[in-house]
Protein backbone atom coordinates (compact mmCIF):
# COMPACT_ATOMS: atom_id res chain seq x y z
CA MET A 1 0.00 0.00 0.00
CA MET A 2 2.86 2.37 0.88
CA PHE A 3 4.37 1.68 -2.56
CA VAL A 4 1.09 2.67 -4.25
CA TYR A 5 0.98 5.95 -2.30
CA ARG A 6 4.56 6.76 -3.26
CA LEU A 7 3.84 5.95 -6.91
CA LEU A 8 0.77 8.21 -6.97
CA PHE A 9 2.73 11.02 -5.28
CA SER A 10 5.51 10.74 -7.88
CA ILE A 11 2.99 10.89 -10.74
CA ILE A 12 1.41 14.05 -9.27
CA ILE A 13 4.82 15.75 -8.83
CA VAL A 14 5.89 14.91 -12.39
CA GLY A 15 2.54 16.13 -13.72
CA CYS A 16 2.84 19.43 -11.86
CA HIS A 17 6.43 19.91 -13.06
CA LYS A 18 5.37 19.25 -16.65
CA GLU A 19 2.49 21.71 -16.37
CA ASN A 20 4.80 24.42 -14.94
CA LEU A 21 7.32 23.78 -17.72
CA ASN A 22 4.58 24.08 -20.36
CA ASN A 23 3.45 27.35 -18.77
CA LYS A 24 7.02 28.71 -18.92
CA ILE A 25 7.33 27.70 -22.56
CA GLN A 26 4.00 29.38 -23.30
CA ILE A 27 5.11 32.61 -21.56
CA VAL A 28 8.34 32.68 -23.58
CA ALA A 29 6.43 32.02 -26.79
CA ASP A 30 3.96 34.82 -26.03
CA SER A 31 6.70 37.36 -25.18
CA PRO A 32 6.84 40.20 -27.76
CA VAL A 33 9.88 40.27 -30.03
CA ILE A 34 11.24 43.79 -30.57
CA LYS A 35 12.15 44.07 -34.22
CA GLN A 36 14.62 46.81 -35.04
CA PRO A 37 13.61 48.99 -38.01
CA GLU A 38 15.87 48.85 -41.04
CA ILE A 39 17.41 51.76 -42.93
CA ASN A 40 15.81 52.55 -46.26
CA ILE A 41 18.92 52.33 -48.45
CA SER A 42 16.98 53.32 -51.54
CA LYS A 43 15.88 56.55 -49.88
CA THR A 44 19.42 57.26 -48.67
CA ASN A 45 20.91 56.69 -52.12
CA GLN A 46 18.32 58.99 -53.70
CA LYS A 47 19.12 61.75 -51.19
CA ALA A 48 22.83 61.22 -51.89
CA LYS A 49 22.21 61.59 -55.62
CA GLU A 50 20.41 64.89 -55.07
CA ALA A 51 23.12 65.99 -52.64
CA PHE A 52 25.86 65.30 -55.18
CA GLU A 53 24.13 67.44 -57.80
CA PHE A 54 23.80 70.23 -55.25
CA CYS A 55 27.49 69.96 -54.36
CA LYS A 56 28.53 70.13 -58.03
CA ILE A 57 26.45 73.19 -58.77
CA ASN A 58 27.44 75.03 -55.59
CA HIS A 59 31.13 74.02 -55.53
CA PHE A 60 30.90 72.00 -52.33
CA ASN A 61 33.03 68.99 -51.45
CA GLN A 62 32.28 66.27 -54.01
CA ASP A 63 34.02 63.44 -52.16
CA PHE A 64 31.49 63.08 -49.35
CA CYS A 65 28.57 64.69 -47.56
CA ILE A 66 26.68 64.23 -44.28
CA LEU A 67 23.12 62.93 -44.43
CA ILE A 68 20.88 62.78 -41.34
CA ASP A 69 17.59 60.90 -41.69
CA MET A 70 15.32 62.17 -38.91
CA SER A 71 12.54 59.79 -39.95
CA LEU A 72 14.52 57.04 -38.21
CA HIS A 73 14.25 56.26 -34.50
CA SER A 74 16.89 58.22 -32.54
CA GLY A 75 18.23 55.01 -31.03
CA LEU A 76 19.40 53.93 -34.49
CA LYS A 77 22.46 55.13 -36.41
CA ARG A 78 20.84 57.73 -38.69
CA PHE A 79 23.88 60.00 -39.22
CA PHE A 80 25.58 58.97 -42.45
CA ILE A 81 28.90 59.96 -43.97
CA TYR A 82 28.13 59.26 -47.62
CA ASP A 83 31.06 58.52 -49.93
CA PHE A 84 30.14 59.92 -53.35
CA LYS A 85 32.95 58.08 -55.14
CA LYS A 86 31.98 54.66 -53.79
CA GLY A 87 28.26 55.40 -53.84
CA GLU A 88 27.72 54.12 -50.30
CA ILE A 89 27.62 54.99 -46.61
CA SER A 90 31.18 54.92 -45.28
CA GLN A 91 30.50 55.83 -41.64
CA GLN A 92 27.36 55.68 -39.55
CA TYR A 93 26.56 57.11 -36.08
CA LEU A 94 23.84 58.00 -33.62
CA VAL A 95 22.75 61.63 -33.63
CA GLY A 96 20.54 63.59 -31.27
CA HIS A 97 17.83 66.11 -32.10
CA GLY A 98 16.01 68.93 -30.31
CA CYS A 99 13.67 68.20 -27.40
CA GLY A 100 11.21 71.05 -28.00
CA THR A 101 8.93 71.34 -24.97
CA ALA A 102 9.97 67.90 -23.68
CA SER A 103 12.63 67.40 -21.00
CA TRP A 104 16.22 68.25 -21.94
CA SER A 105 18.50 65.16 -22.26
CA ASP A 106 15.51 62.79 -22.17
CA ASP A 107 14.32 60.72 -25.18
CA SER A 108 10.63 61.64 -25.17
CA THR A 109 10.45 62.33 -28.92
CA LYS A 110 12.70 59.47 -30.06
CA GLU A 111 10.14 58.30 -32.64
CA LYS A 112 8.42 61.55 -33.62
CA PRO A 113 10.66 64.62 -33.34
CA GLY A 114 9.30 68.07 -34.08
CA PHE A 115 11.09 70.63 -36.25
CA SER A 116 11.21 74.41 -36.30
CA ASN A 117 13.27 77.35 -37.54
CA ASP A 118 12.07 79.57 -34.68
CA ASP A 119 14.39 80.91 -32.01
CA ASN A 120 13.94 79.33 -28.55
CA SER A 121 11.90 76.47 -30.01
CA HIS A 122 14.56 73.99 -28.87
CA LEU A 123 13.81 71.98 -32.00
CA SER A 124 16.06 70.89 -34.84
CA SER A 125 15.62 72.40 -38.30
CA LEU A 126 15.31 70.44 -41.51
CA GLY A 127 17.20 71.41 -44.65
CA LYS A 128 20.65 71.71 -46.21
CA TYR A 129 23.52 73.29 -44.28
CA LYS A 130 27.01 74.44 -45.14
CA ILE A 131 29.41 73.30 -42.45
CA GLY A 132 31.24 76.43 -41.40
CA GLU A 133 34.04 77.57 -39.12
CA ARG A 134 35.63 75.21 -36.62
CA GLY A 135 35.78 76.56 -33.08
CA TYR A 136 35.65 75.90 -29.34
CA SER A 137 32.68 74.18 -27.74
CA ASN A 138 31.72 73.84 -24.09
CA TRP A 139 30.44 70.35 -24.87
CA GLY A 140 32.01 66.99 -25.59
CA ILE A 141 35.58 67.16 -26.88
CA HIS A 142 35.32 70.98 -26.98
CA ILE A 143 35.13 71.36 -30.75
CA LYS A 144 32.21 72.64 -32.77
CA TYR A 145 31.39 73.57 -36.35
CA LEU A 146 29.09 76.43 -37.23
CA MET A 147 26.11 75.52 -39.40
CA HIS A 148 24.88 77.88 -42.11
CA GLY A 149 21.26 77.14 -42.97
CA LEU A 150 20.71 77.31 -46.74
CA GLU A 151 16.92 77.05 -46.86
CA LYS A 152 13.83 78.77 -45.46
CA THR A 153 13.41 75.90 -43.02
CA ASN A 154 16.82 76.45 -41.36
CA SER A 155 17.81 80.03 -42.17
CA ASN A 156 18.02 81.00 -38.48
CA ALA A 157 20.62 78.35 -37.56
CA LEU A 158 23.42 80.81 -36.82
CA LYS A 159 21.11 83.13 -34.90
CA ARG A 160 19.86 80.20 -32.84
CA ILE A 161 23.45 78.99 -32.26
CA ILE A 162 22.67 75.65 -33.85
CA VAL A 163 26.08 74.00 -34.23
CA PHE A 164 27.53 70.55 -34.82
CA HIS A 165 29.28 69.19 -31.72
CA SER A 166 29.78 66.10 -29.59
CA TRP A 167 28.10 65.25 -26.29
CA GLU A 168 29.30 62.82 -23.66
CA LYS A 169 25.73 61.60 -23.13
CA MET A 170 25.62 60.19 -26.66
CA SER A 171 26.32 56.48 -27.14
CA ASP A 172 28.72 54.92 -29.62
CA GLU A 173 26.38 51.98 -30.25
CA GLU A 174 22.72 51.73 -31.19
CA ILE A 175 20.43 51.76 -28.15
CA TYR A 176 17.06 51.00 -29.77
CA PRO A 177 14.32 50.82 -28.45
CA LYS A 178 15.69 53.56 -26.19
CA GLY A 179 16.36 56.91 -27.85
CA SER A 180 19.33 59.27 -27.88
CA PRO A 181 19.34 62.16 -25.37
CA GLU A 182 17.74 65.30 -26.77
CA GLY A 183 19.25 68.78 -26.61
CA TRP A 184 18.12 72.17 -27.86
CA GLY A 185 18.32 71.58 -31.58
CA CYS A 186 21.97 70.85 -32.39
CA PRO A 187 22.87 67.62 -34.17
CA THR A 188 25.01 65.91 -31.53
CA VAL A 189 27.12 62.76 -31.83
CA SER A 190 29.28 60.81 -29.38
CA ASN A 191 32.80 61.97 -28.54
CA ASN A 192 34.34 59.04 -30.41
CA ALA A 193 32.15 59.68 -33.43
CA PHE A 194 33.18 63.34 -33.51
CA LYS A 195 36.85 62.39 -33.30
CA ALA A 196 36.38 60.34 -36.47
CA ILE A 197 34.39 63.02 -38.30
CA ASP A 198 36.47 66.05 -37.30
CA PRO A 199 39.50 65.28 -39.54
CA LEU A 200 37.22 64.95 -42.58
CA LEU A 201 35.73 68.39 -41.99
CA LYS A 202 38.98 70.00 -40.86
CA ASN A 203 40.93 68.85 -43.92
CA SER A 204 38.24 69.55 -46.51
CA LYS A 205 39.31 72.24 -48.99
CA LYS A 206 35.72 72.91 -50.00
CA PRO A 207 32.56 73.43 -47.91
CA VAL A 208 30.91 70.23 -46.73
CA LEU A 209 27.17 69.69 -47.09
CA MET A 210 25.09 68.48 -44.15
CA TRP A 211 21.52 67.64 -45.09
CA ILE A 212 18.99 67.00 -42.34
CA TYR A 213 15.76 65.54 -43.72
CA HIS A 214 12.73 63.54 -42.67
């Protein structure tokens, strides 16, 4: 009789263990999988084609340009150094945008940033820029480049002190689904990213185009 009791007890324990295991498997199976969005290469190449024509006409650097696709999540590498000669992205980095009325250095608008050309809007401005004079910055590695807005959508860049600089809060690697920290409108990259980009801008004999688009 004792043997029968022990046998029944063992069957119950095994059954419970199997049920718990099935529940764990079900929970894992039902867990959402976060799929990272992909870069639209076709869109990037089309922008690069338009950028190259602009650079030819306006006597800008025709070796490379900077493209920033603000339609991408800010936790993804949406800052592109585009090599015109090779017809491809040669370097790729995270870049921050303006917070607007949201909290400074937070990532509240990581998916849907706002844009403005107005002073004190704390928003980034879309459009083509001429990368200007290199100077001292209080941020990052203490180097900045002035940005001359070339369109109606970014004509107040200099007045708003919108400049290209690095920021120690920026990551070197993609952080999706989290977003990059948001400032007051400047396109900001990590310190290491800026160290790689700076020589390209510093040694360019012609103005470099930066195009921020959505």
